Full PDB file with SEQRES, HELIX, SHEET, SSBOND, CRYST1, ORIGX, SCALE, CONECT and MASTER records, all heavy atoms in Angstrom:
SEQRES   1 A   43  GLU ILE SER SER ALA TYR GLY ALA LEU LYS GLY LEU ASN          
SEQRES   2 A   43  LEU GLY HIS GLU PHE MET LYS GLN ALA ARG GLN LEU LEU          
SEQRES   3 A   43  GLY GLY VAL ALA GLY CYS THR HIS ILE ASN GLU LEU LEU          
SEQRES   4 A   43  THR PRO ALA VAL                                              
HELIX    1 AA1 SER A    3  LEU A    9  5                                   7    
HELIX    2 AA2 PHE A   18  LEU A   26  1                                   9    
HELIX    3 AA3 GLY A   28  ALA A   30  5                                   3    
HELIX    4 AA4 THR A   33  ALA A   42  1                                  10    
CRYST1    1.000    1.000    1.000  90.00  90.00  90.00 P 1           1          
ORIGX1      1.000000  0.000000  0.000000        0.00000                         
ORIGX2      0.000000  1.000000  0.000000        0.00000                         
ORIGX3      0.000000  0.000000  1.000000        0.00000                         
SCALE1      1.000000  0.000000  0.000000        0.00000                         
SCALE2      0.000000  1.000000  0.000000        0.00000                         
SCALE3      0.000000  0.000000  1.000000        0.00000                         
ATOM      1  N   GLU A   1     -11.393 -56.419 -36.333  1.00  0.00           N  
ATOM      2  CA  GLU A   1     -10.781 -57.518 -37.093  1.00  0.00           C  
ATOM      3  C   GLU A   1     -11.406 -58.876 -36.783  1.00  0.00           C  
ATOM      4  O   GLU A   1     -11.289 -59.807 -37.568  1.00  0.00           O  
ATOM      5  CB  GLU A   1      -9.277 -57.558 -36.798  1.00  0.00           C  
ATOM      6  CG  GLU A   1      -8.527 -56.336 -37.302  1.00  0.00           C  
ATOM      7  CD  GLU A   1      -7.055 -56.369 -36.936  1.00  0.00           C  
ATOM      8  OE1 GLU A   1      -6.602 -57.414 -36.375  1.00  0.00           O  
ATOM      9  OE2 GLU A   1      -6.346 -55.378 -37.202  1.00  0.00           O  
ATOM     10  N   ILE A   2     -12.065 -58.986 -35.647  1.00  0.00           N  
ATOM     11  CA  ILE A   2     -12.626 -60.279 -35.237  1.00  0.00           C  
ATOM     12  C   ILE A   2     -14.049 -60.487 -35.745  1.00  0.00           C  
ATOM     13  O   ILE A   2     -14.609 -61.585 -35.617  1.00  0.00           O  
ATOM     14  CB  ILE A   2     -12.579 -60.416 -33.693  1.00  0.00           C  
ATOM     15  CG1 ILE A   2     -12.715 -61.877 -33.252  1.00  0.00           C  
ATOM     16  CG2 ILE A   2     -13.672 -59.542 -33.034  1.00  0.00           C  
ATOM     17  CD1 ILE A   2     -11.578 -62.756 -33.689  1.00  0.00           C  
ATOM     18  N   SER A   3     -14.642 -59.458 -36.344  1.00  0.00           N  
ATOM     19  CA  SER A   3     -16.066 -59.539 -36.714  1.00  0.00           C  
ATOM     20  C   SER A   3     -16.378 -60.727 -37.625  1.00  0.00           C  
ATOM     21  O   SER A   3     -17.410 -61.385 -37.483  1.00  0.00           O  
ATOM     22  CB  SER A   3     -16.513 -58.232 -37.377  1.00  0.00           C  
ATOM     23  OG  SER A   3     -16.372 -57.148 -36.485  1.00  0.00           O  
ATOM     24  N   SER A   4     -15.469 -61.007 -38.574  1.00  0.00           N  
ATOM     25  CA  SER A   4     -15.754 -62.088 -39.526  1.00  0.00           C  
ATOM     26  C   SER A   4     -15.784 -63.460 -38.867  1.00  0.00           C  
ATOM     27  O   SER A   4     -16.350 -64.407 -39.407  1.00  0.00           O  
ATOM     28  CB  SER A   4     -14.704 -62.086 -40.641  1.00  0.00           C  
ATOM     29  OG  SER A   4     -13.406 -62.301 -40.105  1.00  0.00           O  
ATOM     30  N   ALA A   5     -15.199 -63.578 -37.663  1.00  0.00           N  
ATOM     31  CA  ALA A   5     -15.192 -64.866 -36.961  1.00  0.00           C  
ATOM     32  C   ALA A   5     -16.597 -65.337 -36.608  1.00  0.00           C  
ATOM     33  O   ALA A   5     -16.819 -66.537 -36.392  1.00  0.00           O  
ATOM     34  CB  ALA A   5     -14.343 -64.766 -35.695  1.00  0.00           C  
ATOM     35  N   TYR A   6     -17.549 -64.412 -36.563  1.00  0.00           N  
ATOM     36  CA  TYR A   6     -18.911 -64.771 -36.157  1.00  0.00           C  
ATOM     37  C   TYR A   6     -19.644 -65.585 -37.213  1.00  0.00           C  
ATOM     38  O   TYR A   6     -20.727 -66.113 -36.950  1.00  0.00           O  
ATOM     39  CB  TYR A   6     -19.681 -63.507 -35.738  1.00  0.00           C  
ATOM     40  CG  TYR A   6     -19.196 -63.063 -34.378  1.00  0.00           C  
ATOM     41  CD1 TYR A   6     -18.015 -62.338 -34.251  1.00  0.00           C  
ATOM     42  CD2 TYR A   6     -19.850 -63.456 -33.227  1.00  0.00           C  
ATOM     43  CE1 TYR A   6     -17.526 -61.982 -32.998  1.00  0.00           C  
ATOM     44  CE2 TYR A   6     -19.365 -63.106 -31.967  1.00  0.00           C  
ATOM     45  CZ  TYR A   6     -18.197 -62.380 -31.865  1.00  0.00           C  
ATOM     46  OH  TYR A   6     -17.700 -62.061 -30.620  1.00  0.00           O  
ATOM     47  N   GLY A   7     -19.041 -65.736 -38.373  1.00  0.00           N  
ATOM     48  CA  GLY A   7     -19.587 -66.660 -39.356  1.00  0.00           C  
ATOM     49  C   GLY A   7     -19.598 -68.096 -38.851  1.00  0.00           C  
ATOM     50  O   GLY A   7     -20.315 -68.943 -39.391  1.00  0.00           O  
ATOM     51  N   ALA A   8     -18.830 -68.366 -37.794  1.00  0.00           N  
ATOM     52  CA  ALA A   8     -18.818 -69.711 -37.205  1.00  0.00           C  
ATOM     53  C   ALA A   8     -20.166 -70.109 -36.623  1.00  0.00           C  
ATOM     54  O   ALA A   8     -20.410 -71.289 -36.350  1.00  0.00           O  
ATOM     55  CB  ALA A   8     -17.740 -69.782 -36.115  1.00  0.00           C  
ATOM     56  N   LEU A   9     -21.044 -69.134 -36.429  1.00  0.00           N  
ATOM     57  CA  LEU A   9     -22.356 -69.425 -35.849  1.00  0.00           C  
ATOM     58  C   LEU A   9     -23.377 -69.879 -36.885  1.00  0.00           C  
ATOM     59  O   LEU A   9     -24.484 -70.293 -36.527  1.00  0.00           O  
ATOM     60  CB  LEU A   9     -22.883 -68.190 -35.113  1.00  0.00           C  
ATOM     61  CG  LEU A   9     -21.991 -67.657 -33.985  1.00  0.00           C  
ATOM     62  CD1 LEU A   9     -22.609 -66.418 -33.354  1.00  0.00           C  
ATOM     63  CD2 LEU A   9     -21.753 -68.729 -32.928  1.00  0.00           C  
ATOM     64  N   LYS A  10     -23.037 -69.826 -38.153  1.00  0.00           N  
ATOM     65  CA  LYS A  10     -23.962 -70.286 -39.196  1.00  0.00           C  
ATOM     66  C   LYS A  10     -24.278 -71.763 -38.993  1.00  0.00           C  
ATOM     67  O   LYS A  10     -23.397 -72.568 -38.694  1.00  0.00           O  
ATOM     68  CB  LYS A  10     -23.345 -70.096 -40.579  1.00  0.00           C  
ATOM     69  CG  LYS A  10     -23.210 -68.658 -41.029  1.00  0.00           C  
ATOM     70  CD  LYS A  10     -22.615 -68.598 -42.432  1.00  0.00           C  
ATOM     71  CE  LYS A  10     -22.349 -67.171 -42.882  1.00  0.00           C  
ATOM     72  NZ  LYS A  10     -21.729 -67.132 -44.229  1.00  0.00           N  
ATOM     73  N   GLY A  11     -25.543 -72.087 -39.160  1.00  0.00           N  
ATOM     74  CA  GLY A  11     -25.974 -73.472 -39.040  1.00  0.00           C  
ATOM     75  C   GLY A  11     -26.399 -73.876 -37.646  1.00  0.00           C  
ATOM     76  O   GLY A  11     -27.013 -74.925 -37.471  1.00  0.00           O  
ATOM     77  N   LEU A  12     -26.082 -73.050 -36.642  1.00  0.00           N  
ATOM     78  CA  LEU A  12     -26.492 -73.375 -35.278  1.00  0.00           C  
ATOM     79  C   LEU A  12     -27.956 -73.029 -35.064  1.00  0.00           C  
ATOM     80  O   LEU A  12     -28.543 -72.219 -35.788  1.00  0.00           O  
ATOM     81  CB  LEU A  12     -25.631 -72.613 -34.263  1.00  0.00           C  
ATOM     82  CG  LEU A  12     -24.125 -72.918 -34.255  1.00  0.00           C  
ATOM     83  CD1 LEU A  12     -23.453 -72.152 -33.124  1.00  0.00           C  
ATOM     84  CD2 LEU A  12     -23.864 -74.408 -34.120  1.00  0.00           C  
ATOM     85  N   ASN A  13     -28.552 -73.649 -34.063  1.00  0.00           N  
ATOM     86  CA  ASN A  13     -29.933 -73.359 -33.674  1.00  0.00           C  
ATOM     87  C   ASN A  13     -29.910 -72.445 -32.455  1.00  0.00           C  
ATOM     88  O   ASN A  13     -29.117 -72.646 -31.530  1.00  0.00           O  
ATOM     89  CB  ASN A  13     -30.666 -74.662 -33.352  1.00  0.00           C  
ATOM     90  CG  ASN A  13     -32.145 -74.450 -33.107  1.00  0.00           C  
ATOM     91  OD1 ASN A  13     -32.541 -73.887 -32.103  1.00  0.00           O  
ATOM     92  ND2 ASN A  13     -32.970 -74.919 -34.030  1.00  0.00           N  
ATOM     93  N   LEU A  14     -30.777 -71.430 -32.464  1.00  0.00           N  
ATOM     94  CA  LEU A  14     -30.805 -70.459 -31.382  1.00  0.00           C  
ATOM     95  C   LEU A  14     -31.501 -70.977 -30.133  1.00  0.00           C  
ATOM     96  O   LEU A  14     -31.911 -70.186 -29.288  1.00  0.00           O  
ATOM     97  CB  LEU A  14     -31.503 -69.162 -31.833  1.00  0.00           C  
ATOM     98  CG  LEU A  14     -30.855 -68.411 -32.992  1.00  0.00           C  
ATOM     99  CD1 LEU A  14     -31.615 -67.115 -33.268  1.00  0.00           C  
ATOM    100  CD2 LEU A  14     -29.391 -68.121 -32.718  1.00  0.00           C  
ATOM    101  N   GLY A  15     -31.607 -72.280 -29.993  1.00  0.00           N  
ATOM    102  CA  GLY A  15     -32.235 -72.872 -28.816  1.00  0.00           C  
ATOM    103  C   GLY A  15     -31.386 -72.697 -27.575  1.00  0.00           C  
ATOM    104  O   GLY A  15     -30.408 -71.933 -27.559  1.00  0.00           O  
ATOM    105  N   HIS A  16     -31.746 -73.431 -26.513  1.00  0.00           N  
ATOM    106  CA  HIS A  16     -31.177 -73.163 -25.202  1.00  0.00           C  
ATOM    107  C   HIS A  16     -29.687 -73.451 -25.113  1.00  0.00           C  
ATOM    108  O   HIS A  16     -29.011 -72.989 -24.202  1.00  0.00           O  
ATOM    109  CB  HIS A  16     -31.923 -73.960 -24.130  1.00  0.00           C  
ATOM    110  CG  HIS A  16     -31.681 -75.441 -24.182  1.00  0.00           C  
ATOM    111  ND1 HIS A  16     -32.278 -76.255 -25.113  1.00  0.00           N  
ATOM    112  CD2 HIS A  16     -30.883 -76.240 -23.431  1.00  0.00           C  
ATOM    113  CE1 HIS A  16     -31.876 -77.504 -24.927  1.00  0.00           C  
ATOM    114  NE2 HIS A  16     -31.029 -77.537 -23.916  1.00  0.00           N  
ATOM    115  N   GLU A  17     -29.105 -74.196 -26.052  1.00  0.00           N  
ATOM    116  CA  GLU A  17     -27.672 -74.481 -26.035  1.00  0.00           C  
ATOM    117  C   GLU A  17     -26.868 -73.470 -26.846  1.00  0.00           C  
ATOM    118  O   GLU A  17     -25.634 -73.524 -26.860  1.00  0.00           O  
ATOM    119  CB  GLU A  17     -27.402 -75.884 -26.584  1.00  0.00           C  
ATOM    120  CG  GLU A  17     -27.877 -77.015 -25.688  1.00  0.00           C  
ATOM    121  CD  GLU A  17     -27.001 -77.158 -24.447  1.00  0.00           C  
ATOM    122  OE1 GLU A  17     -25.782 -76.924 -24.541  1.00  0.00           O  
ATOM    123  OE2 GLU A  17     -27.554 -77.492 -23.380  1.00  0.00           O  
ATOM    124  N   PHE A  18     -27.544 -72.533 -27.510  1.00  0.00           N  
ATOM    125  CA  PHE A  18     -26.835 -71.656 -28.442  1.00  0.00           C  
ATOM    126  C   PHE A  18     -25.765 -70.818 -27.758  1.00  0.00           C  
ATOM    127  O   PHE A  18     -24.623 -70.726 -28.238  1.00  0.00           O  
ATOM    128  CB  PHE A  18     -27.821 -70.733 -29.170  1.00  0.00           C  
ATOM    129  CG  PHE A  18     -27.139 -69.716 -30.047  1.00  0.00           C  
ATOM    130  CD1 PHE A  18     -26.660 -70.079 -31.299  1.00  0.00           C  
ATOM    131  CD2 PHE A  18     -26.969 -68.401 -29.627  1.00  0.00           C  
ATOM    132  CE1 PHE A  18     -26.020 -69.151 -32.113  1.00  0.00           C  
ATOM    133  CE2 PHE A  18     -26.335 -67.471 -30.425  1.00  0.00           C  
ATOM    134  CZ  PHE A  18     -25.858 -67.843 -31.679  1.00  0.00           C  
ATOM    135  N   MET A  19     -26.085 -70.157 -26.649  1.00  0.00           N  
ATOM    136  CA  MET A  19     -25.110 -69.286 -26.002  1.00  0.00           C  
ATOM    137  C   MET A  19     -23.916 -70.082 -25.491  1.00  0.00           C  
ATOM    138  O   MET A  19     -22.785 -69.597 -25.510  1.00  0.00           O  
ATOM    139  CB  MET A  19     -25.767 -68.492 -24.875  1.00  0.00           C  
ATOM    140  CG  MET A  19     -26.732 -67.422 -25.350  1.00  0.00           C  
ATOM    141  SD  MET A  19     -26.021 -66.292 -26.587  1.00  0.00           S  
ATOM    142  CE  MET A  19     -24.598 -65.649 -25.706  1.00  0.00           C  
ATOM    143  N   LYS A  20     -24.151 -71.298 -25.045  1.00  0.00           N  
ATOM    144  CA  LYS A  20     -23.035 -72.151 -24.616  1.00  0.00           C  
ATOM    145  C   LYS A  20     -22.121 -72.443 -25.799  1.00  0.00           C  
ATOM    146  O   LYS A  20     -20.884 -72.379 -25.693  1.00  0.00           O  
ATOM    147  CB  LYS A  20     -23.582 -73.451 -24.024  1.00  0.00           C  
ATOM    148  CG  LYS A  20     -22.503 -74.433 -23.589  1.00  0.00           C  
ATOM    149  CD  LYS A  20     -23.122 -75.701 -23.009  1.00  0.00           C  
ATOM    150  CE  LYS A  20     -22.058 -76.714 -22.608  1.00  0.00           C  
ATOM    151  NZ  LYS A  20     -22.667 -77.951 -22.056  1.00  0.00           N  
ATOM    152  N   GLN A  21     -22.719 -72.762 -26.954  1.00  0.00           N  
ATOM    153  CA  GLN A  21     -21.929 -73.033 -28.150  1.00  0.00           C  
ATOM    154  C   GLN A  21     -21.191 -71.779 -28.608  1.00  0.00           C  
ATOM    155  O   GLN A  21     -20.026 -71.846 -29.018  1.00  0.00           O  
ATOM    156  CB  GLN A  21     -22.845 -73.553 -29.265  1.00  0.00           C  
ATOM    157  CG  GLN A  21     -23.463 -74.908 -28.965  1.00  0.00           C  
ATOM    158  CD  GLN A  21     -24.525 -75.285 -29.975  1.00  0.00           C  
ATOM    159  OE1 GLN A  21     -25.353 -74.459 -30.364  1.00  0.00           O  
ATOM    160  NE2 GLN A  21     -24.514 -76.532 -30.416  1.00  0.00           N  
ATOM    161  N   ALA A  22     -21.861 -70.627 -28.534  1.00  0.00           N  
ATOM    162  CA  ALA A  22     -21.230 -69.373 -28.948  1.00  0.00           C  
ATOM    163  C   ALA A  22     -20.025 -69.060 -28.062  1.00  0.00           C  
ATOM    164  O   ALA A  22     -18.978 -68.615 -28.553  1.00  0.00           O  
ATOM    165  CB  ALA A  22     -22.244 -68.235 -28.900  1.00  0.00           C  
ATOM    166  N   ARG A  23     -20.148 -69.298 -26.760  1.00  0.00           N  
ATOM    167  CA  ARG A  23     -19.022 -69.047 -25.856  1.00  0.00           C  
ATOM    168  C   ARG A  23     -17.854 -69.988 -26.155  1.00  0.00           C  
ATOM    169  O   ARG A  23     -16.687 -69.593 -26.080  1.00  0.00           O  
ATOM    170  CB  ARG A  23     -19.471 -69.203 -24.400  1.00  0.00           C  
ATOM    171  CG  ARG A  23     -20.298 -68.035 -23.883  1.00  0.00           C  
ATOM    172  CD  ARG A  23     -20.485 -68.115 -22.380  1.00  0.00           C  
ATOM    173  NE  ARG A  23     -21.277 -69.278 -21.983  1.00  0.00           N  
ATOM    174  CZ  ARG A  23     -22.595 -69.268 -21.853  1.00  0.00           C  
ATOM    175  NH1 ARG A  23     -23.279 -68.151 -22.104  1.00  0.00           N  
ATOM    176  NH2 ARG A  23     -23.238 -70.360 -21.477  1.00  0.00           N  
ATOM    177  N   GLN A  24     -18.176 -71.232 -26.498  1.00  0.00           N  
ATOM    178  CA  GLN A  24     -17.110 -72.183 -26.819  1.00  0.00           C  
ATOM    179  C   GLN A  24     -16.370 -71.771 -28.084  1.00  0.00           C  
ATOM    180  O   GLN A  24     -15.149 -71.920 -28.186  1.00  0.00           O  
ATOM    181  CB  GLN A  24     -17.700 -73.583 -26.981  1.00  0.00           C  
ATOM    182  CG  GLN A  24     -18.204 -74.196 -25.678  1.00  0.00           C  
ATOM    183  CD  GLN A  24     -18.954 -75.504 -25.890  1.00  0.00           C  
ATOM    184  OE1 GLN A  24     -19.416 -75.797 -26.993  1.00  0.00           O  
ATOM    185  NE2 GLN A  24     -19.099 -76.287 -24.833  1.00  0.00           N  
ATOM    186  N   LEU A  25     -17.111 -71.244 -29.066  1.00  0.00           N  
ATOM    187  CA  LEU A  25     -16.505 -70.875 -30.337  1.00  0.00           C  
ATOM    188  C   LEU A  25     -15.843 -69.500 -30.301  1.00  0.00           C  
ATOM    189  O   LEU A  25     -14.801 -69.288 -30.948  1.00  0.00           O  
ATOM    190  CB  LEU A  25     -17.576 -70.882 -31.433  1.00  0.00           C  
ATOM    191  CG  LEU A  25     -18.149 -72.243 -31.836  1.00  0.00           C  
ATOM    192  CD1 LEU A  25     -19.391 -72.055 -32.706  1.00  0.00           C  
ATOM    193  CD2 LEU A  25     -17.099 -73.068 -32.582  1.00  0.00           C  
ATOM    194  N   LEU A  26     -16.434 -68.562 -29.552  1.00  0.00           N  
ATOM    195  CA  LEU A  26     -16.044 -67.160 -29.673  1.00  0.00           C  
ATOM    196  C   LEU A  26     -15.776 -66.490 -28.334  1.00  0.00           C  
ATOM    197  O   LEU A  26     -15.692 -65.263 -28.264  1.00  0.00           O  
ATOM    198  CB  LEU A  26     -17.146 -66.387 -30.427  1.00  0.00           C  
ATOM    199  CG  LEU A  26     -17.393 -66.888 -31.854  1.00  0.00           C  
ATOM    200  CD1 LEU A  26     -18.759 -66.433 -32.353  1.00  0.00           C  
ATOM    201  CD2 LEU A  26     -16.295 -66.400 -32.788  1.00  0.00           C  
ATOM    202  N   GLY A  27     -15.631 -67.264 -27.283  1.00  0.00           N  
ATOM    203  CA  GLY A  27     -15.348 -66.695 -25.984  1.00  0.00           C  
ATOM    204  C   GLY A  27     -13.906 -66.241 -25.864  1.00  0.00           C  
ATOM    205  O   GLY A  27     -13.030 -66.663 -26.625  1.00  0.00           O  
ATOM    206  N   GLY A  28     -13.632 -65.368 -24.902  1.00  0.00           N  
ATOM    207  CA  GLY A  28     -12.270 -64.915 -24.647  1.00  0.00           C  
ATOM    208  C   GLY A  28     -11.650 -64.235 -25.857  1.00  0.00           C  
ATOM    209  O   GLY A  28     -12.290 -63.435 -26.549  1.00  0.00           O  
ATOM    210  N   VAL A  29     -10.393 -64.567 -26.155  1.00  0.00           N  
ATOM    211  CA  VAL A  29      -9.665 -63.901 -27.235  1.00  0.00           C  
ATOM    212  C   VAL A  29     -10.140 -64.339 -28.620  1.00  0.00           C  
ATOM    213  O   VAL A  29      -9.702 -63.792 -29.632  1.00  0.00           O  
ATOM    214  CB  VAL A  29      -8.146 -64.154 -27.101  1.00  0.00           C  
ATOM    215  CG1 VAL A  29      -7.622 -63.579 -25.800  1.00  0.00           C  
ATOM    216  CG2 VAL A  29      -7.826 -65.649 -27.196  1.00  0.00           C  
ATOM    217  N   ALA A  30     -11.059 -65.312 -28.695  1.00  0.00           N  
ATOM    218  CA  ALA A  30     -11.575 -65.766 -29.990  1.00  0.00           C  
ATOM    219  C   ALA A  30     -12.707 -64.879 -30.500  1.00  0.00           C  
ATOM    220  O   ALA A  30     -13.180 -65.075 -31.618  1.00  0.00           O  
ATOM    221  CB  ALA A  30     -12.059 -67.205 -29.891  1.00  0.00           C  
ATOM    222  N   GLY A  31     -13.147 -63.913 -29.701  1.00  0.00           N  
ATOM    223  CA  GLY A  31     -14.271 -63.070 -30.110  1.00  0.00           C  
ATOM    224  C   GLY A  31     -14.210 -61.695 -29.484  1.00  0.00           C  
ATOM    225  O   GLY A  31     -13.193 -61.295 -28.906  1.00  0.00           O  
ATOM    226  N   CYS A  32     -15.287 -60.966 -29.593  1.00  0.00           N  
ATOM    227  CA  CYS A  32     -15.431 -59.615 -29.040  1.00  0.00           C  
ATOM    228  C   CYS A  32     -16.373 -59.677 -27.845  1.00  0.00           C  
ATOM    229  O   CYS A  32     -17.497 -60.188 -27.953  1.00  0.00           O  
ATOM    230  CB  CYS A  32     -15.997 -58.670 -30.104  1.00  0.00           C  
ATOM    231  SG  CYS A  32     -16.555 -57.069 -29.466  1.00  0.00           S  
ATOM    232  N   THR A  33     -15.932 -59.154 -26.714  1.00  0.00           N  
ATOM    233  CA  THR A  33     -16.740 -59.181 -25.490  1.00  0.00           C  
ATOM    234  C   THR A  33     -18.120 -58.593 -25.722  1.00  0.00           C  
ATOM    235  O   THR A  33     -19.141 -59.162 -25.305  1.00  0.00           O  
ATOM    236  CB  THR A  33     -16.025 -58.402 -24.369  1.00  0.00           C  
ATOM    237  OG1 THR A  33     -14.789 -59.041 -24.078  1.00  0.00           O  
ATOM    238  CG2 THR A  33     -16.887 -58.339 -23.119  1.00  0.00           C  
ATOM    239  N   HIS A  34     -18.181 -57.461 -26.402  1.00  0.00           N  
ATOM    240  CA  HIS A  34     -19.450 -56.740 -26.507  1.00  0.00           C  
ATOM    241  C   HIS A  34     -20.363 -57.305 -27.591  1.00  0.00           C  
ATOM    242  O   HIS A  34     -21.590 -57.261 -27.455  1.00  0.00           O  
ATOM    243  CB  HIS A  34     -19.184 -55.249 -26.709  1.00  0.00           C  
ATOM    244  CG  HIS A  34     -18.299 -54.686 -25.648  1.00  0.00           C  
ATOM    245  ND1 HIS A  34     -18.671 -54.662 -24.324  1.00  0.00           N  
ATOM    246  CD2 HIS A  34     -17.042 -54.176 -25.697  1.00  0.00           C  
ATOM    247  CE1 HIS A  34     -17.691 -54.136 -23.604  1.00  0.00           C  
ATOM    248  NE2 HIS A  34     -16.695 -53.841 -24.415  1.00  0.00           N  
ATOM    249  N   ILE A  35     -19.795 -57.856 -28.653  1.00  0.00           N  
ATOM    250  CA  ILE A  35     -20.632 -58.579 -29.615  1.00  0.00           C  
ATOM    251  C   ILE A  35     -21.223 -59.811 -28.944  1.00  0.00           C  
ATOM    252  O   ILE A  35     -22.401 -60.138 -29.136  1.00  0.00           O  
ATOM    253  CB  ILE A  35     -19.837 -58.944 -30.880  1.00  0.00           C  
ATOM    254  CG1 ILE A  35     -19.487 -57.688 -31.667  1.00  0.00           C  
ATOM    255  CG2 ILE A  35     -20.641 -59.905 -31.759  1.00  0.00           C  
ATOM    256  CD1 ILE A  35     -18.640 -57.938 -32.908  1.00  0.00           C  
ATOM    257  N   ASN A  36     -20.421 -60.492 -28.134  1.00  0.00           N  
ATOM    258  CA  ASN A  36     -20.942 -61.649 -27.402  1.00  0.00           C  
ATOM    259  C   ASN A  36     -22.071 -61.236 -26.461  1.00  0.00           C  
ATOM    260  O   ASN A  36     -23.058 -61.964 -26.310  1.00  0.00           O  
ATOM    261  CB  ASN A  36     -19.814 -62.326 -26.625  1.00  0.00           C  
ATOM    262  CG  ASN A  36     -18.832 -63.042 -27.530  1.00  0.00           C  
ATOM    263  OD1 ASN A  36     -19.093 -63.240 -28.724  1.00  0.00           O  
ATOM    264  ND2 ASN A  36     -17.689 -63.431 -26.983  1.00  0.00           N  
ATOM    265  N   GLU A  37     -21.932 -60.079 -25.804  1.00  0.00           N  
ATOM    266  CA  GLU A  37     -23.007 -59.578 -24.946  1.00  0.00           C  
ATOM    267  C   GLU A  37     -24.275 -59.324 -25.750  1.00  0.00           C  
ATOM    268  O   GLU A  37     -25.390 -59.570 -25.277  1.00  0.00           O  
ATOM    269  CB  GLU A  37     -22.571 -58.280 -24.269  1.00  0.00           C  
ATOM    270  CG  GLU A  37     -21.510 -58.429 -23.219  1.00  0.00           C  
ATOM    271  CD  GLU A  37     -21.087 -57.087 -22.649  1.00  0.00           C  
ATOM    272  OE1 GLU A  37     -20.828 -56.152 -23.430  1.00  0.00           O  
ATOM    273  OE2 GLU A  37     -21.020 -56.982 -21.416  1.00  0.00           O  
ATOM    274  N   LEU A  38     -24.106 -58.826 -26.963  1.00  0.00           N  
ATOM    275  CA  LEU A  38     -25.254 -58.481 -27.804  1.00  0.00           C  
ATOM    276  C   LEU A  38     -25.997 -59.710 -28.309  1.00  0.00           C  
ATOM    277  O   LEU A  38     -27.181 -59.633 -28.653  1.00  0.00           O  
ATOM    278  CB  LEU A  38     -24.773 -57.618 -28.973  1.00  0.00           C  
ATOM    279  CG  LEU A  38     -25.811 -56.955 -29.874  1.00  0.00           C  
ATOM    280  CD1 LEU A  38     -26.810 -56.121 -29.070  1.00  0.00           C  
ATOM    281  CD2 LEU A  38     -25.119 -56.083 -30.921  1.00  0.00           C  
ATOM    282  N   LEU A  39     -25.325 -60.848 -28.344  1.00  0.00           N  
ATOM    283  CA  LEU A  39     -25.980 -62.063 -28.831  1.00  0.00           C  
ATOM    284  C   LEU A  39     -27.152 -62.481 -27.951  1.00  0.00           C  
ATOM    285  O   LEU A  39     -28.159 -62.995 -28.450  1.00  0.00           O  
ATOM    286  CB  LEU A  39     -24.965 -63.214 -28.917  1.00  0.00           C  
ATOM    287  CG  LEU A  39     -23.927 -63.132 -30.026  1.00  0.00           C  
ATOM    288  CD1 LEU A  39     -22.949 -64.284 -29.907  1.00  0.00           C  
ATOM    289  CD2 LEU A  39     -24.590 -63.113 -31.406  1.00  0.00           C  
ATOM    290  N   THR A  40     -27.042 -62.264 -26.631  1.00  0.00           N  
ATOM    291  CA  THR A  40     -28.122 -62.719 -25.741  1.00  0.00           C  
ATOM    292  C   THR A  40     -29.445 -62.028 -26.039  1.00  0.00           C  
ATOM    293  O   THR A  40     -30.459 -62.707 -26.263  1.00  0.00           O  
ATOM    294  CB  THR A  40     -27.709 -62.527 -24.270  1.00  0.00           C  
ATOM    295  OG1 THR A  40     -26.591 -63.367 -23.982  1.00  0.00           O  
ATOM    296  CG2 THR A  40     -28.860 -62.894 -23.339  1.00  0.00           C  
ATOM    297  N   PRO A  41     -29.519 -60.678 -26.070  1.00  0.00           N  
ATOM    298  CA  PRO A  41     -30.806 -60.072 -26.429  1.00  0.00           C  
ATOM    299  C   PRO A  41     -31.208 -60.333 -27.876  1.00  0.00           C  
ATOM    300  O   PRO A  41     -32.407 -60.352 -28.196  1.00  0.00           O  
ATOM    301  CB  PRO A  41     -30.597 -58.580 -26.155  1.00  0.00           C  
ATOM    302  CG  PRO A  41     -29.119 -58.380 -26.213  1.00  0.00           C  
ATOM    303  CD  PRO A  41     -28.528 -59.659 -25.687  1.00  0.00           C  
ATOM    304  N   ALA A  42     -30.224 -60.559 -28.758  1.00  0.00           N  
ATOM    305  CA  ALA A  42     -30.566 -60.898 -30.145  1.00  0.00           C  
ATOM    306  C   ALA A  42     -31.316 -62.221 -30.203  1.00  0.00           C  
ATOM    307  O   ALA A  42     -32.303 -62.360 -30.931  1.00  0.00           O  
ATOM    308  CB  ALA A  42     -29.296 -60.963 -30.989  1.00  0.00           C  
ATOM    309  N   VAL A  43     -30.861 -63.199 -29.412  1.00  0.00           N  
ATOM    310  CA  VAL A  43     -31.511 -64.514 -29.395  1.00  0.00           C  
ATOM    311  C   VAL A  43     -32.926 -64.415 -28.829  1.00  0.00           C  
ATOM    312  O   VAL A  43     -33.875 -64.980 -29.397  1.00  0.00           O  
ATOM    313  CB  VAL A  43     -30.667 -65.519 -28.584  1.00  0.00           C  
ATOM    314  CG1 VAL A  43     -31.458 -66.797 -28.324  1.00  0.00           C  
ATOM    315  CG2 VAL A  43     -29.376 -65.842 -29.326  1.00  0.00           C  
TER     316      VAL A  43                                                      
MASTER        0    0    0    4    0    0    0    6  315    1    0    4          
END                                                                             
């Protein structure tokens, strides 16, 4: 049910601040632990 929340990442730059921004937007109960883990190798 949380998958659609990742649309919040549109418009961001995958530079060195991206994972920090992703954690702020989708960390904890706002996202999926394992999708968040997958973002690092994706970047």
